[in-house]
Amino acid sequence: TGDVTSWLDRTLTADFLLRASRPRVDMSEAHSIPDKIEEQLGSIPGIESIDRVSFSVASVNGTAATLMVRELSSHNDIPVDIVEGNPAEVEQGMLSGEAVIGTMIASRMKIKVHDTMRMEVAGISHSVRVAGIVKEYTAGGLMVIMDRDAASLVYPIEPAQVFGIRCSPEATAEVGTQLQTLCRDQGLIFQSLEDLRDLVRSMINGLMTRLWLILIMALIIAGFAIINTLTMSVIEQTRHLGMLRVVGMSRLQVFRMFLFQAMVLSLLALLPGTLVGVLLAYLITVSFGGVAEYSLTFAVHPLLLLCYVASGVLLSLVAAALPAIRAGRLKPLEAIHQE
């Protein structure tokens, strides 16, 4: 999730986005923005640059992909999240007609930096040099990114489908108000950078909330299992508990004994379970590269694991309280005579 957020911050530098239609899985099917809109944008003071973004259906070495073109010359820093390649060389290469490709294409096609790939757009095929490999989540990562001016020299480029508008900091609020009015009058979709980030954060938070709910449900089920196990232990040890009470063990000592049993049981389960969980997480991470065709970095967070173990022990002690209280309340003579 942090990877998605950093990618968004790195690749999206516009203050406002204008679209003619809502985003789709196949971005090439998005509607184009009418030419008259750009003329009207020129009359709004405070706009520093407009990044005209277009998406086209492409084929890379016979594999379906999406070509995204952007006006890179209007950016101070190239708006791509580079995984492989020197940033200065990538920027210079893209401005001269080279392309960057997503990690998915690079993995699937075994393409490396400085390799040449055959890309076809609208029936026109050319050899394109790869300036770098980037992290890209749009279109499932099957994305090729080029500079608009350089790409238009060899391929028929679609009209702009998204306008990324950057404005001066002091005019941001005023420009946003005028753009909202313009979009309302022309039937366009207006979205600020903060709105988009909030949307992505809400999606990520929704995913994280579901994962935490699954974890909490697992802990609750484990708590009921502990209660059941210790309750059966109390029933099976009833006569022994009666003998212990007769020889002088107090209720508090019986209570402590069952809490200690719960702690031992929890540690016997949690410590191996933690090691097995880390091993499974590692295997899932490794196998993910074979399924999704790009790899994830495996990382262990000792503090998080320690919190999980401590939470498990605490849960065991809380779950053991009811059986321990029941054991402490047993009457010695009745317990001795119980079959």
C-alpha atoms as a PDB file:
ATOM      1  CA  THR A   1       0.000   0.000   0.000  1.00  0.00           C
ATOM      2  CA  GLY A   2       2.845   2.371   0.704  1.00  0.00           C
ATOM      3  CA  ASP A   3       4.238   1.452  -2.709  1.00  0.00           C
ATOM      4  CA  VAL A   4       1.020   2.595  -4.411  1.00  0.00           C
ATOM      5  CA  THR A   5       1.015   5.892  -2.510  1.00  0.00           C
ATOM      6  CA  SER A   6       4.643   6.664  -3.369  1.00  0.00           C
ATOM      7  CA  TRP A   7       3.984   5.808  -7.024  1.00  0.00           C
ATOM      8  CA  LEU A   8       1.015   8.194  -7.115  1.00  0.00           C
ATOM      9  CA  ASP A   9       3.008  11.028  -5.537  1.00  0.00           C
ATOM     10  CA  ARG A  10       5.862  10.484  -7.976  1.00  0.00           C
ATOM     11  CA  THR A  11       3.883  10.234 -11.212  1.00  0.00           C
ATOM     12  CA  LEU A  12       1.032  12.681 -10.644  1.00  0.00           C
ATOM     13  CA  THR A  13       2.271  16.246 -10.342  1.00  0.00           C
ATOM     14  CA  ALA A  14      -0.754  18.158 -11.607  1.00  0.00           C
ATOM     15  CA  ASP A  15      -2.857  20.279  -9.263  1.00  0.00           C
ATOM     16  CA  PHE A  16      -6.075  19.478 -11.143  1.00  0.00           C
ATOM     17  CA  LEU A  17      -7.271  16.838 -13.597  1.00  0.00           C
ATOM     18  CA  LEU A  18      -9.881  17.327 -16.318  1.00  0.00           C
ATOM     19  CA  ARG A  19     -11.527  14.341 -18.035  1.00  0.00           C
ATOM     20  CA  ALA A  20     -14.279  13.916 -20.570  1.00  0.00           C
ATOM     21  CA  SER A  21     -15.294  10.532 -19.119  1.00  0.00           C
ATOM     22  CA  ARG A  22     -14.698   8.520 -15.976  1.00  0.00           C
ATOM     23  CA  PRO A  23     -11.527   6.404 -15.769  1.00  0.00           C
ATOM     24  CA  ARG A  24     -11.840   2.944 -17.296  1.00  0.00           C
ATOM     25  CA  VAL A  25      -9.840  -0.237 -17.112  1.00  0.00           C
ATOM     26  CA  ASP A  26      -9.001   0.215 -20.794  1.00  0.00           C
ATOM     27  CA  MET A  27      -7.839   3.837 -20.745  1.00  0.00           C
ATOM     28  CA  SER A  28      -7.643   3.931 -24.561  1.00  0.00           C
ATOM     29  CA  GLU A  29     -11.471   3.914 -24.683  1.00  0.00           C
ATOM     30  CA  ALA A  30     -11.736   7.129 -22.665  1.00  0.00           C
ATOM     31  CA  HIS A  31     -13.382  10.067 -24.441  1.00  0.00           C
ATOM     32  CA  SER A  32     -11.212  12.850 -25.812  1.00  0.00           C
ATOM     33  CA  ILE A  33     -11.413  16.388 -24.474  1.00  0.00           C
ATOM     34  CA  PRO A  34     -12.791  18.862 -27.070  1.00  0.00           C
ATOM     35  CA  ASP A  35     -10.251  21.263 -28.596  1.00  0.00           C
ATOM     36  CA  LYS A  36     -12.272  24.302 -27.557  1.00  0.00           C
ATOM     37  CA  ILE A  37     -11.593  23.515 -23.899  1.00  0.00           C
ATOM     38  CA  GLU A  38      -7.901  24.264 -24.320  1.00  0.00           C
ATOM     39  CA  GLU A  39      -8.729  27.666 -25.768  1.00  0.00           C
ATOM     40  CA  GLN A  40     -10.925  28.443 -22.771  1.00  0.00           C
ATOM     41  CA  LEU A  41      -8.179  27.273 -20.386  1.00  0.00           C
ATOM     42  CA  GLY A  42      -5.844  29.819 -21.973  1.00  0.00           C
ATOM     43  CA  SER A  43      -8.063  32.613 -20.661  1.00  0.00           C
ATOM     44  CA  ILE A  44      -7.723  31.481 -17.010  1.00  0.00           C
ATOM     45  CA  PRO A  45      -4.885  33.353 -15.274  1.00  0.00           C
ATOM     46  CA  GLY A  46      -2.604  31.394 -12.974  1.00  0.00           C
ATOM     47  CA  ILE A  47      -2.280  28.227 -15.108  1.00  0.00           C
ATOM     48  CA  GLU A  48       1.420  27.494 -15.630  1.00  0.00           C
ATOM     49  CA  SER A  49       1.250  24.382 -17.804  1.00  0.00           C
ATOM     50  CA  ILE A  50      -1.115  21.771 -19.210  1.00  0.00           C
ATOM     51  CA  ASP A  51      -0.015  18.140 -19.463  1.00  0.00           C
ATOM     52  CA  ARG A  52      -2.004  16.582 -22.333  1.00  0.00           C
ATOM     53  CA  VAL A  53      -2.238  12.856 -21.657  1.00  0.00           C
ATOM     54  CA  SER A  54      -3.401  10.367 -24.273  1.00  0.00           C
ATOM     55  CA  PHE A  55      -3.789   6.585 -24.254  1.00  0.00           C
ATOM     56  CA  SER A  56      -3.574   4.341 -27.334  1.00  0.00           C
ATOM     57  CA  VAL A  57      -3.795   0.607 -27.904  1.00  0.00           C
ATOM     58  CA  ALA A  58      -0.322  -0.741 -28.670  1.00  0.00           C
ATOM     59  CA  SER A  59       1.484  -4.003 -29.249  1.00  0.00           C
ATOM     60  CA  VAL A  60       4.972  -4.630 -27.871  1.00  0.00           C
ATOM     61  CA  ASN A  61       6.759  -7.571 -29.508  1.00  0.00           C
ATOM     62  CA  GLY A  62       3.343  -9.046 -30.238  1.00  0.00           C
ATOM     63  CA  THR A  63       1.968  -8.515 -26.698  1.00  0.00           C
ATOM     64  CA  ALA A  64      -0.986  -6.178 -26.092  1.00  0.00           C
ATOM     65  CA  ALA A  65      -0.120  -3.046 -24.141  1.00  0.00           C
ATOM     66  CA  THR A  66      -1.173   0.569 -23.698  1.00  0.00           C
ATOM     67  CA  LEU A  67       0.826   3.561 -24.900  1.00  0.00           C
ATOM     68  CA  MET A  68       0.581   6.658 -22.726  1.00  0.00           C
ATOM     69  CA  VAL A  69       2.016   9.913 -24.034  1.00  0.00           C
ATOM     70  CA  ARG A  70       2.625  12.961 -21.867  1.00  0.00           C
ATOM     71  CA  GLU A  71       4.154  16.363 -22.415  1.00  0.00           C
ATOM     72  CA  LEU A  72       7.323  15.703 -20.481  1.00  0.00           C
ATOM     73  CA  SER A  73       9.033  18.934 -21.508  1.00  0.00           C
ATOM     74  CA  SER A  74       6.633  20.872 -19.263  1.00  0.00           C
ATOM     75  CA  HIS A  75       7.893  19.068 -16.126  1.00  0.00           C
ATOM     76  CA  ASN A  76      10.952  20.007 -14.105  1.00  0.00           C
ATOM     77  CA  ASP A  77      11.362  16.384 -12.993  1.00  0.00           C
ATOM     78  CA  ILE A  78      10.274  13.516 -15.194  1.00  0.00           C
ATOM     79  CA  PRO A  79       6.967  12.190 -13.752  1.00  0.00           C
ATOM     80  CA  VAL A  80       7.749   8.452 -13.724  1.00  0.00           C
ATOM     81  CA  ASP A  81       8.682   6.145 -10.852  1.00  0.00           C
ATOM     82  CA  ILE A  82      11.965   4.694 -12.121  1.00  0.00           C
ATOM     83  CA  VAL A  83      12.915   1.161 -11.086  1.00  0.00           C
ATOM     84  CA  GLU A  84      15.855   0.633 -13.468  1.00  0.00           C
ATOM     85  CA  GLY A  85      17.763   3.361 -15.260  1.00  0.00           C
ATOM     86  CA  ASN A  86      19.568   6.611 -14.561  1.00  0.00           C
ATOM     87  CA  PRO A  87      17.022   9.454 -14.106  1.00  0.00           C
ATOM     88  CA  ALA A  88      19.024  11.950 -16.185  1.00  0.00           C
ATOM     89  CA  GLU A  89      19.554   9.441 -18.998  1.00  0.00           C
ATOM     90  CA  VAL A  90      15.891   8.382 -18.865  1.00  0.00           C
ATOM     91  CA  GLU A  91      14.703  11.967 -19.207  1.00  0.00           C
ATOM     92  CA  GLN A  92      17.087  12.734 -22.060  1.00  0.00           C
ATOM     93  CA  GLY A  93      16.180   9.482 -23.811  1.00  0.00           C
ATOM     94  CA  MET A  94      12.413  10.040 -23.575  1.00  0.00           C
ATOM     95  CA  LEU A  95      12.680  13.563 -24.951  1.00  0.00           C
ATOM     96  CA  SER A  96      14.598  12.152 -27.921  1.00  0.00           C
ATOM     97  CA  GLY A  97      12.012   9.485 -28.739  1.00  0.00           C
ATOM     98  CA  GLU A  98      12.816   6.601 -26.412  1.00  0.00           C
ATOM     99  CA  ALA A  99      10.264   4.997 -24.097  1.00  0.00           C
ATOM    100  CA  VAL A 100       9.975   3.645 -20.586  1.00  0.00           C
ATOM    101  CA  ILE A 101       8.026   0.464 -19.905  1.00  0.00           C
ATOM    102  CA  GLY A 102       6.232  -0.914 -16.873  1.00  0.00           C
ATOM    103  CA  THR A 103       7.760  -3.703 -14.815  1.00  0.00           C
ATOM    104  CA  MET A 104       5.038  -6.077 -16.017  1.00  0.00           C
ATOM    105  CA  ILE A 105       6.061  -5.736 -19.675  1.00  0.00           C
ATOM    106  CA  ALA A 106       9.747  -5.889 -18.796  1.00  0.00           C
ATOM    107  CA  SER A 107       9.261  -9.134 -16.878  1.00  0.00           C
ATOM    108  CA  ARG A 108       6.959 -10.743 -19.429  1.00  0.00           C
ATOM    109  CA  MET A 109       9.032  -9.802 -22.491  1.00  0.00           C
ATOM    110  CA  LYS A 110      12.449 -10.129 -20.797  1.00  0.00           C
ATOM    111  CA  ILE A 111      13.260  -6.574 -21.856  1.00  0.00           C
ATOM    112  CA  LYS A 112      16.060  -4.666 -20.146  1.00  0.00           C
ATOM    113  CA  VAL A 113      17.201  -1.056 -20.164  1.00  0.00           C
ATOM    114  CA  HIS A 114      18.749   0.019 -23.511  1.00  0.00           C
ATOM    115  CA  ASP A 115      17.122  -2.912 -25.337  1.00  0.00           C
ATOM    116  CA  THR A 116      15.123  -2.265 -28.503  1.00  0.00           C
ATOM    117  CA  MET A 117      11.507  -3.394 -28.762  1.00  0.00           C
ATOM    118  CA  ARG A 118       9.108  -3.480 -31.684  1.00  0.00           C
ATOM    119  CA  MET A 119       6.005  -1.442 -30.921  1.00  0.00           C
ATOM    120  CA  GLU A 120       2.949  -1.145 -33.145  1.00  0.00           C
ATOM    121  CA  VAL A 121       0.286   1.558 -32.774  1.00  0.00           C
ATOM    122  CA  ALA A 122      -2.692   1.893 -35.169  1.00  0.00           C
ATOM    123  CA  GLY A 123      -1.005  -0.406 -37.689  1.00  0.00           C
ATOM    124  CA  ILE A 124       2.272   1.510 -37.696  1.00  0.00           C
ATOM    125  CA  SER A 125       5.275  -0.395 -36.376  1.00  0.00           C
ATOM    126  CA  HIS A 126       8.615   1.048 -35.286  1.00  0.00           C
ATOM    127  CA  SER A 127      11.601  -0.039 -33.251  1.00  0.00           C
ATOM    128  CA  VAL A 128      11.756   1.878 -29.971  1.00  0.00           C
ATOM    129  CA  ARG A 129      14.684   1.936 -27.566  1.00  0.00           C
ATOM    130  CA  VAL A 130      13.933   1.388 -23.878  1.00  0.00           C
ATOM    131  CA  ALA A 131      15.273   4.244 -21.765  1.00  0.00           C
ATOM    132  CA  GLY A 132      14.189   2.755 -18.439  1.00  0.00           C
ATOM    133  CA  ILE A 133      11.855   0.479 -16.522  1.00  0.00           C
ATOM    134  CA  VAL A 134       9.301   2.114 -14.267  1.00  0.00           C
ATOM    135  CA  LYS A 135       6.729   1.212 -11.671  1.00  0.00           C
ATOM    136  CA  GLU A 136       3.286   1.612 -13.211  1.00  0.00           C
ATOM    137  CA  TYR A 137      -0.130   0.523 -11.904  1.00  0.00           C
ATOM    138  CA  THR A 138      -2.247   1.997 -14.705  1.00  0.00           C
ATOM    139  CA  ALA A 139      -3.636  -0.582 -17.177  1.00  0.00           C
ATOM    140  CA  GLY A 140      -2.364  -3.411 -15.015  1.00  0.00           C
ATOM    141  CA  GLY A 141       1.250  -2.356 -15.492  1.00  0.00           C
ATOM    142  CA  LEU A 142       1.202  -3.165 -19.239  1.00  0.00           C
ATOM    143  CA  MET A 143       2.145   0.417 -20.023  1.00  0.00           C
ATOM    144  CA  VAL A 144       4.591   2.130 -22.369  1.00  0.00           C
ATOM    145  CA  ILE A 145       5.227   5.826 -21.702  1.00  0.00           C
ATOM    146  CA  MET A 146       6.627   8.277 -24.258  1.00  0.00           C
ATOM    147  CA  ASP A 147       6.941  12.021 -24.709  1.00  0.00           C
ATOM    148  CA  ARG A 148       4.032  13.401 -26.722  1.00  0.00           C
ATOM    149  CA  ASP A 149       6.084  15.426 -29.181  1.00  0.00           C
ATOM    150  CA  ALA A 150       8.550  12.589 -29.804  1.00  0.00           C
ATOM    151  CA  ALA A 151       5.857   9.915 -30.157  1.00  0.00           C
ATOM    152  CA  SER A 152       3.790  12.015 -32.578  1.00  0.00           C
ATOM    153  CA  LEU A 153       6.681  11.950 -35.057  1.00  0.00           C
ATOM    154  CA  VAL A 154       6.323   8.184 -35.596  1.00  0.00           C
ATOM    155  CA  TYR A 155       2.838   7.233 -34.380  1.00  0.00           C
ATOM    156  CA  PRO A 156      -0.693   8.626 -34.814  1.00  0.00           C
ATOM    157  CA  ILE A 157      -1.430   9.933 -31.323  1.00  0.00           C
ATOM    158  CA  GLU A 158      -4.954  10.170 -29.974  1.00  0.00           C
ATOM    159  CA  PRO A 159      -6.304  13.581 -28.876  1.00  0.00           C
ATOM    160  CA  ALA A 160      -5.802  14.366 -25.217  1.00  0.00           C
ATOM    161  CA  GLN A 161      -8.096  12.366 -22.916  1.00  0.00           C
ATOM    162  CA  VAL A 162      -6.835  13.877 -19.680  1.00  0.00           C
ATOM    163  CA  PHE A 163      -5.597  17.376 -18.931  1.00  0.00           C
ATOM    164  CA  GLY A 164      -3.174  17.647 -16.027  1.00  0.00           C
ATOM    165  CA  ILE A 165      -3.194  21.304 -15.033  1.00  0.00           C
ATOM    166  CA  ARG A 166      -0.507  22.871 -12.910  1.00  0.00           C
ATOM    167  CA  CYS A 167      -0.839  26.387 -11.584  1.00  0.00           C
ATOM    168  CA  SER A 168       1.084  28.797  -9.409  1.00  0.00           C
ATOM    169  CA  PRO A 169       0.670  28.195  -5.653  1.00  0.00           C
ATOM    170  CA  GLU A 170      -0.916  31.565  -4.961  1.00  0.00           C
ATOM    171  CA  ALA A 171      -3.532  31.070  -7.688  1.00  0.00           C
ATOM    172  CA  THR A 172      -4.458  27.446  -6.889  1.00  0.00           C
ATOM    173  CA  ALA A 173      -7.748  28.225  -5.129  1.00  0.00           C
ATOM    174  CA  GLU A 174      -8.923  30.707  -7.778  1.00  0.00           C
ATOM    175  CA  VAL A 175      -7.944  28.436 -10.665  1.00  0.00           C
ATOM    176  CA  GLY A 176      -9.741  25.528  -9.015  1.00  0.00           C
ATOM    177  CA  THR A 177     -12.934  27.556  -8.725  1.00  0.00           C
ATOM    178  CA  GLN A 178     -12.833  28.624 -12.374  1.00  0.00           C
ATOM    179  CA  LEU A 179     -12.059  25.090 -13.542  1.00  0.00           C
ATOM    180  CA  GLN A 180     -15.023  23.722 -11.602  1.00  0.00           C
ATOM    181  CA  THR A 181     -17.271  26.264 -13.293  1.00  0.00           C
ATOM    182  CA  LEU A 182     -15.821  25.418 -16.712  1.00  0.00           C
ATOM    183  CA  CYS A 183     -16.268  21.669 -16.183  1.00  0.00           C
ATOM    184  CA  ARG A 184     -19.833  22.152 -15.002  1.00  0.00           C
ATOM    185  CA  ASP A 185     -20.690  24.189 -18.099  1.00  0.00           C
ATOM    186  CA  GLN A 186     -18.926  21.839 -20.552  1.00  0.00           C
ATOM    187  CA  GLY A 187     -19.914  18.521 -18.966  1.00  0.00           C
ATOM    188  CA  LEU A 188     -16.360  17.555 -17.992  1.00  0.00           C
ATOM    189  CA  ILE A 189     -15.164  15.740 -14.877  1.00  0.00           C
ATOM    190  CA  PHE A 190     -13.115  17.885 -12.482  1.00  0.00           C
ATOM    191  CA  GLN A 191     -10.794  16.320  -9.919  1.00  0.00           C
ATOM    192  CA  SER A 192      -8.202  17.948  -7.717  1.00  0.00           C
ATOM    193  CA  LEU A 193      -4.985  16.220  -6.756  1.00  0.00           C
ATOM    194  CA  GLU A 194      -6.093  16.085  -3.132  1.00  0.00           C
ATOM    195  CA  ASP A 195      -9.408  14.501  -4.124  1.00  0.00           C
ATOM    196  CA  LEU A 196      -7.583  11.814  -6.083  1.00  0.00           C
ATOM    197  CA  ARG A 197      -5.201  11.130  -3.220  1.00  0.00           C
ATOM    198  CA  ASP A 198      -8.144  10.891  -0.827  1.00  0.00           C
ATOM    199  CA  LEU A 199      -9.799   8.408  -3.184  1.00  0.00           C
ATOM    200  CA  VAL A 200      -6.673   6.241  -3.311  1.00  0.00           C
ATOM    201  CA  ARG A 201      -6.242   6.485   0.463  1.00  0.00           C
ATOM    202  CA  SER A 202      -9.853   5.444   1.022  1.00  0.00           C
ATOM    203  CA  MET A 203      -9.366   2.400  -1.218  1.00  0.00           C
ATOM    204  CA  ILE A 204      -6.167   1.455   0.605  1.00  0.00           C
ATOM    205  CA  ASN A 205      -7.759   2.044   4.021  1.00  0.00           C
ATOM    206  CA  GLY A 206     -10.728  -0.096   2.994  1.00  0.00           C
ATOM    207  CA  LEU A 207      -8.379  -2.932   2.086  1.00  0.00           C
ATOM    208  CA  MET A 208      -6.404  -2.563   5.302  1.00  0.00           C
ATOM    209  CA  THR A 209      -9.606  -2.474   7.358  1.00  0.00           C
ATOM    210  CA  ARG A 210     -10.745  -5.762   5.836  1.00  0.00           C
ATOM    211  CA  LEU A 211      -7.383  -7.352   6.583  1.00  0.00           C
ATOM    212  CA  TRP A 212      -7.532  -6.178  10.202  1.00  0.00           C
ATOM    213  CA  LEU A 213     -11.077  -7.532  10.510  1.00  0.00           C
ATOM    214  CA  ILE A 214      -9.871 -10.917   9.289  1.00  0.00           C
ATOM    215  CA  LEU A 215      -7.097 -10.828  11.891  1.00  0.00           C
ATOM    216  CA  ILE A 216      -9.508  -9.843  14.663  1.00  0.00           C
ATOM    217  CA  MET A 217     -11.905 -12.626  13.682  1.00  0.00           C
ATOM    218  CA  ALA A 218      -9.018 -15.104  13.829  1.00  0.00           C
ATOM    219  CA  LEU A 219      -8.116 -13.864  17.320  1.00  0.00           C
ATOM    220  CA  ILE A 220     -11.730 -14.184  18.491  1.00  0.00           C
ATOM    221  CA  ILE A 221     -11.948 -17.751  17.171  1.00  0.00           C
ATOM    222  CA  ALA A 222      -8.645 -18.530  18.890  1.00  0.00           C
ATOM    223  CA  GLY A 223     -10.023 -17.068  22.128  1.00  0.00           C
ATOM    224  CA  PHE A 224     -13.040 -19.377  22.036  1.00  0.00           C
ATOM    225  CA  ALA A 225     -10.721 -22.326  21.378  1.00  0.00           C
ATOM    226  CA  ILE A 226      -8.659 -21.408  24.451  1.00  0.00           C
ATOM    227  CA  ILE A 227     -11.782 -21.141  26.609  1.00  0.00           C
ATOM    228  CA  ASN A 228     -12.966 -24.521  25.386  1.00  0.00           C
ATOM    229  CA  THR A 229      -9.573 -26.177  25.983  1.00  0.00           C
ATOM    230  CA  LEU A 230      -9.162 -24.815  29.511  1.00  0.00           C
ATOM    231  CA  THR A 231     -12.777 -25.545  30.429  1.00  0.00           C
ATOM    232  CA  MET A 232     -12.242 -29.189  29.436  1.00  0.00           C
ATOM    233  CA  SER A 233      -9.022 -29.110  31.467  1.00  0.00           C
ATOM    234  CA  VAL A 234     -10.961 -27.919  34.537  1.00  0.00           C
ATOM    235  CA  ILE A 235     -13.526 -30.694  34.103  1.00  0.00           C
ATOM    236  CA  GLU A 236     -10.841 -33.362  33.677  1.00  0.00           C
ATOM    237  CA  GLN A 237      -8.850 -32.125  36.701  1.00  0.00           C
ATOM    238  CA  THR A 238     -11.807 -31.637  39.003  1.00  0.00           C
ATOM    239  CA  ARG A 239     -10.803 -34.369  41.468  1.00  0.00           C
ATOM    240  CA  HIS A 240      -7.146 -33.262  41.448  1.00  0.00           C
ATOM    241  CA  LEU A 241      -8.231 -29.679  42.104  1.00  0.00           C
ATOM    242  CA  GLY A 242     -10.323 -30.909  45.004  1.00  0.00           C
ATOM    243  CA  MET A 243      -7.301 -32.695  46.484  1.00  0.00           C
ATOM    244  CA  LEU A 244      -5.164 -29.566  46.042  1.00  0.00           C
ATOM    245  CA  ARG A 245      -7.783 -27.459  47.782  1.00  0.00           C
ATOM    246  CA  VAL A 246      -7.966 -29.971  50.657  1.00  0.00           C
ATOM    247  CA  VAL A 247      -4.187 -29.850  51.227  1.00  0.00           C
ATOM    248  CA  GLY A 248      -4.274 -26.091  51.456  1.00  0.00           C
ATOM    249  CA  MET A 249      -4.195 -24.505  47.983  1.00  0.00           C
ATOM    250  CA  SER A 250      -6.183 -21.274  47.958  1.00  0.00           C
ATOM    251  CA  ARG A 251      -8.626 -20.159  45.290  1.00  0.00           C
ATOM    252  CA  LEU A 252      -6.180 -17.473  44.186  1.00  0.00           C
ATOM    253  CA  GLN A 253      -3.470 -20.067  43.700  1.00  0.00           C
ATOM    254  CA  VAL A 254      -5.837 -22.218  41.604  1.00  0.00           C
ATOM    255  CA  PHE A 255      -6.701 -19.144  39.563  1.00  0.00           C
ATOM    256  CA  ARG A 256      -3.014 -18.391  38.994  1.00  0.00           C
ATOM    257  CA  MET A 257      -2.300 -22.003  38.059  1.00  0.00           C
ATOM    258  CA  PHE A 258      -4.805 -21.938  35.200  1.00  0.00           C
ATOM    259  CA  LEU A 259      -3.572 -18.557  33.996  1.00  0.00           C
ATOM    260  CA  PHE A 260      -0.073 -20.021  33.915  1.00  0.00           C
ATOM    261  CA  GLN A 261      -1.372 -22.994  31.912  1.00  0.00           C
ATOM    262  CA  ALA A 262      -2.975 -20.589  29.459  1.00  0.00           C
ATOM    263  CA  MET A 263       0.269 -18.648  29.067  1.00  0.00           C
ATOM    264  CA  VAL A 264       2.256 -21.835  28.448  1.00  0.00           C
ATOM    265  CA  LEU A 265      -0.281 -23.051  25.885  1.00  0.00           C
ATOM    266  CA  SER A 266      -0.246 -19.700  24.109  1.00  0.00           C
ATOM    267  CA  LEU A 267       3.556 -19.596  23.893  1.00  0.00           C
ATOM    268  CA  LEU A 268       3.688 -23.193  22.643  1.00  0.00           C
ATOM    269  CA  ALA A 269       1.297 -22.167  19.863  1.00  0.00           C
ATOM    270  CA  LEU A 270       2.437 -18.602  19.134  1.00  0.00           C
ATOM    271  CA  LEU A 271       6.187 -19.086  18.817  1.00  0.00           C
ATOM    272  CA  PRO A 272       6.057 -21.904  16.225  1.00  0.00           C
ATOM    273  CA  GLY A 273       3.043 -20.222  14.596  1.00  0.00           C
ATOM    274  CA  THR A 274       5.008 -16.978  14.196  1.00  0.00           C
ATOM    275  CA  LEU A 275       7.934 -18.786  12.558  1.00  0.00           C
ATOM    276  CA  VAL A 276       5.619 -20.707  10.235  1.00  0.00           C
ATOM    277  CA  GLY A 277       3.738 -17.479   9.403  1.00  0.00           C
ATOM    278  CA  VAL A 278       6.970 -15.691   8.453  1.00  0.00           C
ATOM    279  CA  LEU A 279       7.997 -18.671   6.318  1.00  0.00           C
ATOM    280  CA  LEU A 280       4.620 -18.737   4.553  1.00  0.00           C
ATOM    281  CA  ALA A 281       4.797 -14.967   3.972  1.00  0.00           C
ATOM    282  CA  TYR A 282       8.216 -15.421   2.387  1.00  0.00           C
ATOM    283  CA  LEU A 283       6.974 -18.245   0.149  1.00  0.00           C
ATOM    284  CA  ILE A 284       3.922 -16.198  -0.889  1.00  0.00           C
ATOM    285  CA  THR A 285       6.152 -13.226  -1.721  1.00  0.00           C
ATOM    286  CA  VAL A 286       8.475 -15.384  -3.802  1.00  0.00           C
ATOM    287  CA  SER A 287       5.636 -17.147  -5.623  1.00  0.00           C
ATOM    288  CA  PHE A 288       3.877 -13.824  -6.275  1.00  0.00           C
ATOM    289  CA  GLY A 289       6.581 -12.969  -8.783  1.00  0.00           C
ATOM    290  CA  GLY A 290       5.646 -16.017 -10.837  1.00  0.00           C
ATOM    291  CA  VAL A 291       1.942 -15.187 -10.782  1.00  0.00           C
ATOM    292  CA  ALA A 292       2.006 -11.416 -11.306  1.00  0.00           C
ATOM    293  CA  GLU A 293       5.256 -11.403 -13.299  1.00  0.00           C
ATOM    294  CA  TYR A 294       6.891  -8.876 -11.043  1.00  0.00           C
ATOM    295  CA  SER A 295       8.365  -9.295  -7.603  1.00  0.00           C
ATOM    296  CA  LEU A 296       7.681  -7.749  -4.230  1.00  0.00           C
ATOM    297  CA  THR A 297      10.247  -7.027  -1.565  1.00  0.00           C
ATOM    298  CA  PHE A 298      10.017  -9.369   1.416  1.00  0.00           C
ATOM    299  CA  ALA A 299      10.432  -7.582   4.738  1.00  0.00           C
ATOM    300  CA  VAL A 300      10.113  -8.705   8.359  1.00  0.00           C
ATOM    301  CA  HIS A 301       8.967  -6.193  10.976  1.00  0.00           C
ATOM    302  CA  PRO A 302      10.182  -7.493  14.380  1.00  0.00           C
ATOM    303  CA  LEU A 303       8.203  -4.915  16.357  1.00  0.00           C
ATOM    304  CA  LEU A 304       4.977  -5.890  14.581  1.00  0.00           C
ATOM    305  CA  LEU A 305       5.626  -9.588  15.225  1.00  0.00           C
ATOM    306  CA  LEU A 306       6.347  -8.841  18.877  1.00  0.00           C
ATOM    307  CA  CYS A 307       3.043  -6.976  19.154  1.00  0.00           C
ATOM    308  CA  TYR A 308       1.221  -9.961  17.614  1.00  0.00           C
ATOM    309  CA  VAL A 309       2.833 -12.384  20.087  1.00  0.00           C
ATOM    310  CA  ALA A 310       2.085 -10.088  23.032  1.00  0.00           C
ATOM    311  CA  SER A 311      -1.519  -9.686  21.851  1.00  0.00           C
ATOM    312  CA  GLY A 312      -1.856 -13.471  21.564  1.00  0.00           C
ATOM    313  CA  VAL A 313      -0.573 -14.023  25.099  1.00  0.00           C
ATOM    314  CA  LEU A 314      -2.851 -11.309  26.459  1.00  0.00           C
ATOM    315  CA  LEU A 315      -5.816 -12.808  24.616  1.00  0.00           C
ATOM    316  CA  SER A 316      -5.004 -16.226  26.081  1.00  0.00           C
ATOM    317  CA  LEU A 317      -4.912 -14.831  29.606  1.00  0.00           C
ATOM    318  CA  VAL A 318      -8.215 -13.007  29.126  1.00  0.00           C
ATOM    319  CA  ALA A 319      -9.835 -16.102  27.613  1.00  0.00           C
ATOM    320  CA  ALA A 320      -8.510 -18.228  30.466  1.00  0.00           C
ATOM    321  CA  ALA A 321     -10.052 -16.005  33.145  1.00  0.00           C
ATOM    322  CA  LEU A 322     -13.510 -17.651  33.000  1.00  0.00           C
ATOM    323  CA  PRO A 323     -12.274 -21.272  33.303  1.00  0.00           C
ATOM    324  CA  ALA A 324      -9.808 -20.183  36.017  1.00  0.00           C
ATOM    325  CA  ILE A 325     -12.590 -18.532  38.023  1.00  0.00           C
ATOM    326  CA  ARG A 326     -14.671 -21.679  37.648  1.00  0.00           C
ATOM    327  CA  ALA A 327     -11.772 -23.797  38.910  1.00  0.00           C
ATOM    328  CA  GLY A 328     -11.271 -21.524  41.906  1.00  0.00           C
ATOM    329  CA  ARG A 329     -14.929 -21.762  42.888  1.00  0.00           C
ATOM    330  CA  LEU A 330     -14.972 -25.559  43.048  1.00  0.00           C
ATOM    331  CA  LYS A 331     -15.893 -26.895  46.473  1.00  0.00           C
ATOM    332  CA  PRO A 332     -13.167 -29.307  47.626  1.00  0.00           C
ATOM    333  CA  LEU A 333     -15.386 -32.119  48.982  1.00  0.00           C
ATOM    334  CA  GLU A 334     -17.729 -32.068  45.993  1.00  0.00           C
ATOM    335  CA  ALA A 335     -14.776 -32.042  43.627  1.00  0.00           C
ATOM    336  CA  ILE A 336     -13.175 -35.071  45.313  1.00  0.00           C
ATOM    337  CA  HIS A 337     -16.339 -37.150  45.033  1.00  0.00           C
ATOM    338  CA  GLN A 338     -17.014 -36.166  41.429  1.00  0.00           C
ATOM    339  CA  GLU A 339     -16.520 -38.958  38.864  1.00  0.00           C
END
